């Protein structure tokens, strides 16, 4: 199975299935002499793990990470870093009825069409459980960026269903993001979002939403023309996340309703440094960072595993009714927040390291 790796100099290879013995990631290209322990990674895994609130799945996983290689006496050696997280609460019996049924909104049919076989226990490789490896690798990328630069990455819930928060990306803080279970720094909107998720959950339904991410203090000059543009790599990384269905940077689709005179960001100086008067571009011009905050949004569809009865087909192409049992998030967005931040860090770290050789 191809397509399990991401990155050029800082490269990750993700492995494992939802109900397998373990999941994990191999990180290649991490510079040597970075101080690294499980503690540096565990905090971010705790933000992503299941069972952390009443609006997340009931699956209980400790998600304790083990460093298997690439670290000696507390420092990275430059060798590949293998990270392992055991699965402990799989409850595979909940999926026995799905061996020959194609779940609406899932990749069951697509995997079977491609490979002639699929793992129906929790979706196997197509499960969001695979994002554990993303987050573990992202924690390492974030530490590299902190050690070598002042880059700060924050992701947060911007929208749940049709409820949209008011958030200033220039001022948002991690404390505000983590102040509630929906990870929305707008407290009033967060209360409404939680109620909407609980209402959908009570009805056996689900809702989607939008995660916004800001990367501050990103230096100008990151990104590679023409096919490795920074914004294009962000788009790819975000759309690799399970249930992600849309990506926009800066004003995004809103630019289509503007005149050029409105959309262009005039260049100015602030304290002797080049900046722009606005940020419709989202901090990227020509695929290269401009030095302004990078701001983008990722849209996530409603969790497709719902208890409401749906029409579908079985493997014999016969129409059947399906009501999905098991433990599922009524909204994936709050747990997607640390995944978006992790993937942002991975892309930025890769381009940061690549940029070190851009000129003498």
Protein backbone atom coordinates (compact mmCIF):
# COMPACT_ATOMS: atom_id res chain seq x y z
CA UNK A 1 0.00 0.00 0.00
CA UNK A 2 1.63 3.23 -1.15
CA UNK A 3 0.87 6.74 0.07
CA UNK A 4 1.79 6.32 3.73
CA UNK A 5 4.58 8.92 3.89
CA UNK A 6 4.71 12.72 3.88
CA UNK A 7 7.55 15.23 3.65
CA UNK A 8 10.94 15.65 1.99
CA UNK A 9 13.71 16.38 4.52
CA UNK A 10 11.50 15.91 7.57
CA UNK A 11 9.59 12.82 6.48
CA UNK A 12 7.03 10.75 8.36
CA UNK A 13 5.77 7.25 7.58
CA UNK A 14 2.55 6.35 9.34
CA UNK A 15 1.47 2.75 10.04
CA UNK A 16 -1.18 0.71 11.85
CA UNK A 17 -4.92 0.01 11.82
CA UNK A 18 -7.80 1.02 14.07
CA UNK A 19 -8.13 -2.38 15.75
CA UNK A 20 -4.63 -3.74 15.19
CA UNK A 21 -2.13 -4.37 17.97
CA UNK A 22 -0.66 -0.89 17.70
CA UNK A 23 -0.37 2.26 15.63
CA UNK A 24 2.65 4.46 15.15
CA UNK A 25 4.97 6.49 12.97
CA UNK A 26 8.57 6.60 11.82
CA UNK A 27 10.11 10.08 11.67
CA UNK A 28 13.13 10.42 9.37
CA UNK A 29 15.21 13.56 9.01
CA UNK A 30 15.02 14.86 12.57
CA UNK A 31 18.28 16.71 13.25
CA UNK A 32 20.65 15.16 15.78
CA UNK A 33 21.14 16.46 19.34
CA UNK A 34 17.52 17.49 19.89
CA UNK A 35 16.57 16.67 23.47
CA UNK A 36 13.58 14.34 23.19
CA UNK A 37 11.60 12.10 25.52
CA UNK A 38 8.15 10.53 25.59
CA UNK A 39 7.02 13.47 27.73
CA UNK A 40 7.61 15.86 24.80
CA UNK A 41 5.11 13.86 22.74
CA UNK A 42 2.57 12.64 25.29
CA UNK A 43 0.92 15.99 25.95
CA UNK A 44 -0.24 16.35 22.36
CA UNK A 45 -1.42 12.74 22.22
CA UNK A 46 -3.51 13.38 25.32
CA UNK A 47 -5.27 16.23 23.51
CA UNK A 48 -6.16 13.90 20.61
CA UNK A 49 -6.99 10.68 22.45
CA UNK A 50 -10.56 9.31 22.56
CA UNK A 51 -12.83 9.31 25.59
CA UNK A 52 -11.74 12.72 26.85
CA UNK A 53 -15.17 14.34 27.15
CA UNK A 54 -18.90 13.68 26.93
CA UNK A 55 -18.93 14.80 23.28
CA UNK A 56 -16.26 12.34 22.13
CA UNK A 57 -16.25 8.61 21.48
CA UNK A 58 -16.51 6.28 24.46
CA UNK A 59 -13.46 4.32 23.34
CA UNK A 60 -10.84 4.45 26.11
CA UNK A 61 -7.22 4.54 24.98
CA UNK A 62 -4.29 5.73 27.09
CA UNK A 63 -2.29 6.40 23.91
CA UNK A 64 0.99 6.07 25.81
CA UNK A 65 3.86 6.57 23.40
CA UNK A 66 7.09 4.57 23.36
CA UNK A 67 10.25 5.74 21.59
CA UNK A 68 11.82 2.65 20.03
CA UNK A 69 14.76 4.14 18.12
CA UNK A 70 16.60 7.28 17.14
CA UNK A 71 17.16 8.61 20.67
CA UNK A 72 20.26 7.93 22.80
CA UNK A 73 20.79 9.31 26.30
CA UNK A 74 17.89 11.69 25.84
CA UNK A 75 19.00 13.18 22.51
CA UNK A 76 18.17 12.42 18.91
CA UNK A 77 20.94 10.72 16.93
CA UNK A 78 19.89 11.68 13.40
CA UNK A 79 18.60 8.14 12.82
CA UNK A 80 14.93 7.36 12.14
CA UNK A 81 12.74 7.76 15.22
CA UNK A 82 10.18 4.96 15.61
CA UNK A 83 7.19 5.72 17.83
CA UNK A 84 4.76 3.04 19.07
CA UNK A 85 1.30 3.43 20.62
CA UNK A 86 -0.56 0.25 21.62
CA UNK A 87 -4.29 -0.20 20.97
CA UNK A 88 -6.03 -1.39 24.15
CA UNK A 89 -9.81 -0.90 23.80
CA UNK A 90 -10.79 -2.14 20.36
CA UNK A 91 -14.17 -3.91 20.87
CA UNK A 92 -13.99 -5.44 17.39
CA UNK A 93 -17.25 -7.38 17.92
CA UNK A 94 -19.14 -4.14 17.32
CA UNK A 95 -18.09 -4.39 13.66
CA UNK A 96 -18.99 -8.01 12.92
CA UNK A 97 -22.17 -6.95 11.11
CA UNK A 98 -20.18 -4.75 8.72
CA UNK A 99 -18.02 -7.40 7.07
CA UNK A 100 -20.23 -7.44 3.96
CA UNK A 101 -21.93 -4.06 4.17
CA UNK A 102 -20.74 -0.76 2.70
CA UNK A 103 -21.21 2.00 5.26
CA UNK A 104 -22.52 5.29 3.80
CA UNK A 105 -19.90 8.04 3.97
CA UNK A 106 -17.08 5.56 4.63
CA UNK A 107 -14.30 4.22 2.40
CA UNK A 108 -15.41 0.57 2.65
CA UNK A 109 -16.40 0.16 -1.00
CA UNK A 110 -13.45 2.23 -2.26
CA UNK A 111 -10.86 0.12 -0.39
CA UNK A 112 -12.47 -3.08 -1.63
CA UNK A 113 -12.58 -1.76 -5.19
CA UNK A 114 -8.87 -0.90 -5.05
CA UNK A 115 -7.38 -3.82 -3.11
CA UNK A 116 -9.99 -6.58 -3.28
CA UNK A 117 -9.87 -6.78 0.52
CA UNK A 118 -10.69 -4.51 3.43
CA UNK A 119 -10.39 -4.52 7.19
CA UNK A 120 -13.89 -3.90 8.52
CA UNK A 121 -12.80 -3.61 12.16
CA UNK A 122 -13.13 0.12 12.78
CA UNK A 123 -12.33 0.82 9.14
CA UNK A 124 -8.81 -0.54 9.47
CA UNK A 125 -6.32 1.74 7.78
CA UNK A 126 -8.98 4.27 6.78
CA UNK A 127 -9.85 5.01 10.41
CA UNK A 128 -9.06 8.32 12.08
CA UNK A 129 -7.12 6.20 14.56
CA UNK A 130 -4.23 6.61 12.11
CA UNK A 131 -3.96 10.27 13.10
CA UNK A 132 -2.29 9.21 16.36
CA UNK A 133 0.93 8.93 14.35
CA UNK A 134 0.37 12.36 12.80
CA UNK A 135 0.14 13.96 16.23
CA UNK A 136 3.17 12.12 17.62
CA UNK A 137 5.31 13.23 14.66
CA UNK A 138 3.90 16.74 14.89
CA UNK A 139 5.04 17.04 18.49
CA UNK A 140 8.63 16.40 17.35
CA UNK A 141 8.27 18.89 14.49
CA UNK A 142 6.92 21.50 16.91
CA UNK A 143 9.88 21.04 19.23
CA UNK A 144 12.34 21.50 16.35
CA UNK A 145 10.56 24.72 15.36
CA UNK A 146 10.63 25.97 18.96
CA UNK A 147 14.33 25.18 19.28
CA UNK A 148 15.33 26.84 16.01
CA UNK A 149 12.69 29.53 15.52
CA UNK A 150 9.95 31.44 17.31
CA UNK A 151 7.17 29.89 15.22
CA UNK A 152 3.93 29.43 17.19
CA UNK A 153 1.12 27.22 15.89
CA UNK A 154 -2.43 27.30 17.24
CA UNK A 155 -5.48 25.49 15.91
CA UNK A 156 -9.01 25.84 17.26
CA UNK A 157 -12.65 25.20 16.44
CA UNK A 158 -14.05 27.98 14.28
CA UNK A 159 -17.43 26.47 13.40
CA UNK A 160 -19.70 23.59 14.42
CA UNK A 161 -22.65 22.88 12.12
CA UNK A 162 -24.04 26.37 11.37
CA UNK A 163 -22.67 27.99 14.54
CA UNK A 164 -19.64 30.17 13.78
CA UNK A 165 -17.36 31.72 16.37
CA UNK A 166 -15.79 35.17 16.34
CA UNK A 167 -12.05 34.73 16.80
CA UNK A 168 -9.07 37.02 16.15
CA UNK A 169 -6.22 34.78 14.92
CA UNK A 170 -3.68 37.41 15.99
CA UNK A 171 -4.80 37.28 19.62
CA UNK A 172 -6.03 33.74 20.27
CA UNK A 173 -4.18 31.78 22.99
CA UNK A 174 -3.78 28.11 23.83
CA UNK A 175 -5.40 28.68 27.23
CA UNK A 176 -8.50 30.04 25.51
CA UNK A 177 -8.58 27.10 23.09
CA UNK A 178 -8.34 24.57 25.93
CA UNK A 179 -10.87 26.36 28.15
CA UNK A 180 -13.78 24.15 26.99
CA UNK A 181 -14.36 20.67 25.57
CA UNK A 182 -15.15 21.87 22.06
CA UNK A 183 -11.83 23.76 21.83
CA UNK A 184 -13.42 27.03 20.74
CA UNK A 185 -11.88 30.21 22.23
CA UNK A 186 -15.19 32.09 21.84
CA UNK A 187 -16.88 31.07 25.12
CA UNK A 188 -20.42 32.04 24.09
CA UNK A 189 -20.21 30.25 20.75
CA UNK A 190 -18.61 27.25 22.48
CA UNK A 191 -21.67 26.76 24.73
CA UNK A 192 -23.96 26.74 21.71
CA UNK A 193 -21.66 24.38 19.84
CA UNK A 194 -21.63 21.90 22.70
CA UNK A 195 -25.41 21.94 22.90
CA UNK A 196 -25.67 21.36 19.13
CA UNK A 197 -23.32 18.36 19.32
CA UNK A 198 -25.24 16.91 22.27
CA UNK A 199 -28.54 17.37 20.44
CA UNK A 200 -27.21 15.51 17.39
CA UNK A 201 -25.77 12.79 19.65
CA UNK A 202 -29.12 12.30 21.39
CA UNK A 203 -30.79 11.83 18.01
CA UNK A 204 -28.21 9.27 16.89
CA UNK A 205 -26.85 11.78 14.39
CA UNK A 206 -23.63 13.77 13.95
CA UNK A 207 -22.40 17.22 12.87
CA UNK A 208 -19.31 18.62 11.17
CA UNK A 209 -17.46 21.90 11.40
CA UNK A 210 -14.37 23.96 10.65
CA UNK A 211 -10.96 24.09 12.29
CA UNK A 212 -8.95 27.28 11.82
CA UNK A 213 -5.18 27.35 12.27
CA UNK A 214 -2.74 30.24 12.67
CA UNK A 215 1.04 30.00 12.49
CA UNK A 216 2.67 33.13 13.87
CA UNK A 217 6.27 34.35 13.55
CA UNK A 218 6.84 32.31 10.39
CA UNK A 219 9.84 33.85 8.59
CA UNK A 220 9.50 35.03 5.02
CA UNK A 221 10.92 32.71 2.40
CA UNK A 222 9.57 29.24 3.26
CA UNK A 223 8.13 27.30 0.34
CA UNK A 224 9.35 25.85 -2.96
CA UNK A 225 8.06 26.88 -6.39
CA UNK A 226 6.41 25.47 -8.47
CA UNK A 227 5.05 22.13 -7.29
CA UNK A 228 6.05 22.29 -3.60
CA UNK A 229 4.41 25.59 -2.77
CA UNK A 230 3.88 26.08 0.94
CA UNK A 231 0.13 26.62 0.61
CA UNK A 232 -0.18 23.56 -1.64
CA UNK A 233 1.67 21.41 0.90
CA UNK A 234 -0.63 22.71 3.65
CA UNK A 235 -3.64 21.82 1.52
CA UNK A 236 -2.33 18.31 0.89
CA UNK A 237 -1.48 17.74 4.55
CA UNK A 238 -4.87 18.95 5.76
CA UNK A 239 -6.84 16.94 3.21
CA UNK A 240 -4.91 13.86 4.32
CA UNK A 241 -6.72 14.09 7.66
CA UNK A 242 -9.72 11.78 7.91
CA UNK A 243 -13.08 13.49 7.27
CA UNK A 244 -11.45 16.68 5.91
CA UNK A 245 -13.41 17.89 2.88
CA UNK A 246 -12.26 21.44 2.26
CA UNK A 247 -9.29 23.79 2.63
CA UNK A 248 -8.91 27.53 2.20
CA UNK A 249 -6.10 29.91 3.10
CA UNK A 250 -6.43 33.60 3.90
CA UNK A 251 -9.69 34.93 2.54
CA UNK A 252 -10.01 31.73 0.50
CA UNK A 253 -13.25 31.46 -1.42
CA UNK A 254 -14.17 34.93 -0.15
CA UNK A 255 -11.61 36.36 -2.60
CA UNK A 256 -13.93 35.41 -5.44
CA UNK A 257 -16.34 38.15 -4.36
CA UNK A 258 -13.71 40.89 -4.10
CA UNK A 259 -12.10 43.34 -6.54
CA UNK A 260 -8.33 43.19 -6.97
CA UNK A 261 -8.12 46.58 -5.28
CA UNK A 262 -9.79 45.02 -2.22
CA UNK A 263 -7.98 41.70 -2.21
CA UNK A 264 -4.40 42.92 -2.68
CA UNK A 265 -2.42 43.43 0.54
CA UNK A 266 -0.31 46.63 0.28
CA UNK A 267 3.30 46.27 1.43
CA UNK A 268 4.32 48.41 4.40
CA UNK A 269 7.05 48.43 7.06
CA UNK A 270 6.51 47.75 10.76
CA UNK A 271 9.49 48.45 13.01
CA UNK A 272 11.77 48.31 10.00
CA UNK A 273 10.46 44.98 8.74
CA UNK A 274 8.43 44.29 5.60
CA UNK A 275 4.77 43.50 6.29
CA UNK A 276 1.41 43.89 4.57
CA UNK A 277 -1.48 46.14 5.57
CA UNK A 278 -3.94 43.24 5.33
CA UNK A 279 -3.68 39.47 5.11
CA UNK A 280 -6.07 38.29 2.43
CA UNK A 281 -3.25 36.03 1.20
CA UNK A 282 -3.09 34.18 4.53
CA UNK A 283 0.66 34.72 4.83
CA UNK A 284 1.65 33.02 1.56
CA UNK A 285 2.37 34.66 -1.83
CA UNK A 286 3.61 32.71 -4.83
CA UNK A 287 3.74 29.62 -2.67
CA UNK A 288 6.32 31.26 -0.35
CA UNK A 289 5.71 32.62 3.15
CA UNK A 290 5.53 36.41 3.32
CA UNK A 291 6.34 36.81 7.01
CA UNK A 292 2.72 37.55 7.89
CA UNK A 293 0.72 35.11 10.04
CA UNK A 294 -0.32 32.03 8.10
CA UNK A 295 -4.06 31.54 8.53
CA UNK A 296 -6.13 28.77 6.98
CA UNK A 297 -9.28 26.74 7.60
CA UNK A 298 -10.14 23.07 7.20
CA UNK A 299 -13.73 21.84 6.82
CA UNK A 300 -14.67 18.48 8.35
CA UNK A 301 -17.75 16.50 7.37
CA UNK A 302 -20.13 15.04 9.97
CA UNK A 303 -18.94 11.72 11.40
CA UNK A 304 -20.43 9.14 8.98
CA UNK A 305 -20.97 6.47 11.67
CA UNK A 306 -24.45 7.27 12.96
CA UNK A 307 -27.20 5.30 14.68
CA UNK A 308 -29.95 6.65 12.41
CA UNK A 309 -31.03 3.99 9.93
CA UNK A 310 -29.59 4.54 6.43
CA UNK A 311 -29.99 2.94 3.02
CA UNK A 312 -26.93 1.22 1.56
CA UNK A 313 -25.70 -1.89 -0.29
CA UNK A 314 -24.12 -5.12 0.84
CA UNK A 315 -21.26 -6.92 -0.93
CA UNK A 316 -23.82 -8.73 -3.15
CA UNK A 317 -25.07 -5.28 -4.26
CA UNK A 318 -28.42 -5.85 -2.53
CA UNK A 319 -30.18 -2.88 -0.89
CA UNK A 320 -30.08 -3.10 2.90
CA UNK A 321 -30.86 -0.93 5.90
CA UNK A 322 -28.00 -0.06 8.24
CA UNK A 323 -27.86 1.44 11.73
CA UNK A 324 -24.27 1.64 12.94
CA UNK A 325 -23.50 0.46 16.46
CA UNK A 326 -20.31 1.03 18.41
CA UNK A 327 -18.52 4.05 19.84
CA UNK A 328 -18.14 7.07 17.60
CA UNK A 329 -17.61 10.81 17.96
CA UNK A 330 -20.83 12.76 17.33
CA UNK A 331 -18.48 15.47 16.03
CA UNK A 332 -14.86 14.86 15.10
CA UNK A 333 -13.87 18.55 15.09
CA UNK A 334 -12.71 19.02 18.73
CA UNK A 335 -10.32 16.07 18.44
CA UNK A 336 -9.23 17.18 14.96
CA UNK A 337 -7.86 20.44 16.40
CA UNK A 338 -4.54 18.94 17.62
CA UNK A 339 -4.28 16.92 14.39
CA UNK A 340 -4.48 20.09 12.28
CA UNK A 341 -1.84 21.75 14.47
CA UNK A 342 0.41 18.68 14.17
CA UNK A 343 0.17 18.52 10.39
CA UNK A 344 0.92 22.25 10.22
CA UNK A 345 4.06 21.72 12.27
CA UNK A 346 5.17 18.82 10.06
CA UNK A 347 4.83 20.90 6.87
CA UNK A 348 6.50 23.96 8.39
CA UNK A 349 9.35 21.91 9.86
CA UNK A 350 10.01 20.23 6.52
CA UNK A 351 10.11 23.56 4.69
CA UNK A 352 12.13 25.21 7.46
CA UNK A 353 14.83 22.55 7.16
CA UNK A 354 14.74 22.66 3.36
CA UNK A 355 15.17 26.43 3.44
CA UNK A 356 18.45 26.19 5.33
CA UNK A 357 20.19 25.40 2.02
CA UNK A 358 18.30 27.93 -0.09
CA UNK A 359 21.25 30.34 -0.39
CA UNK A 360 24.78 30.94 0.86
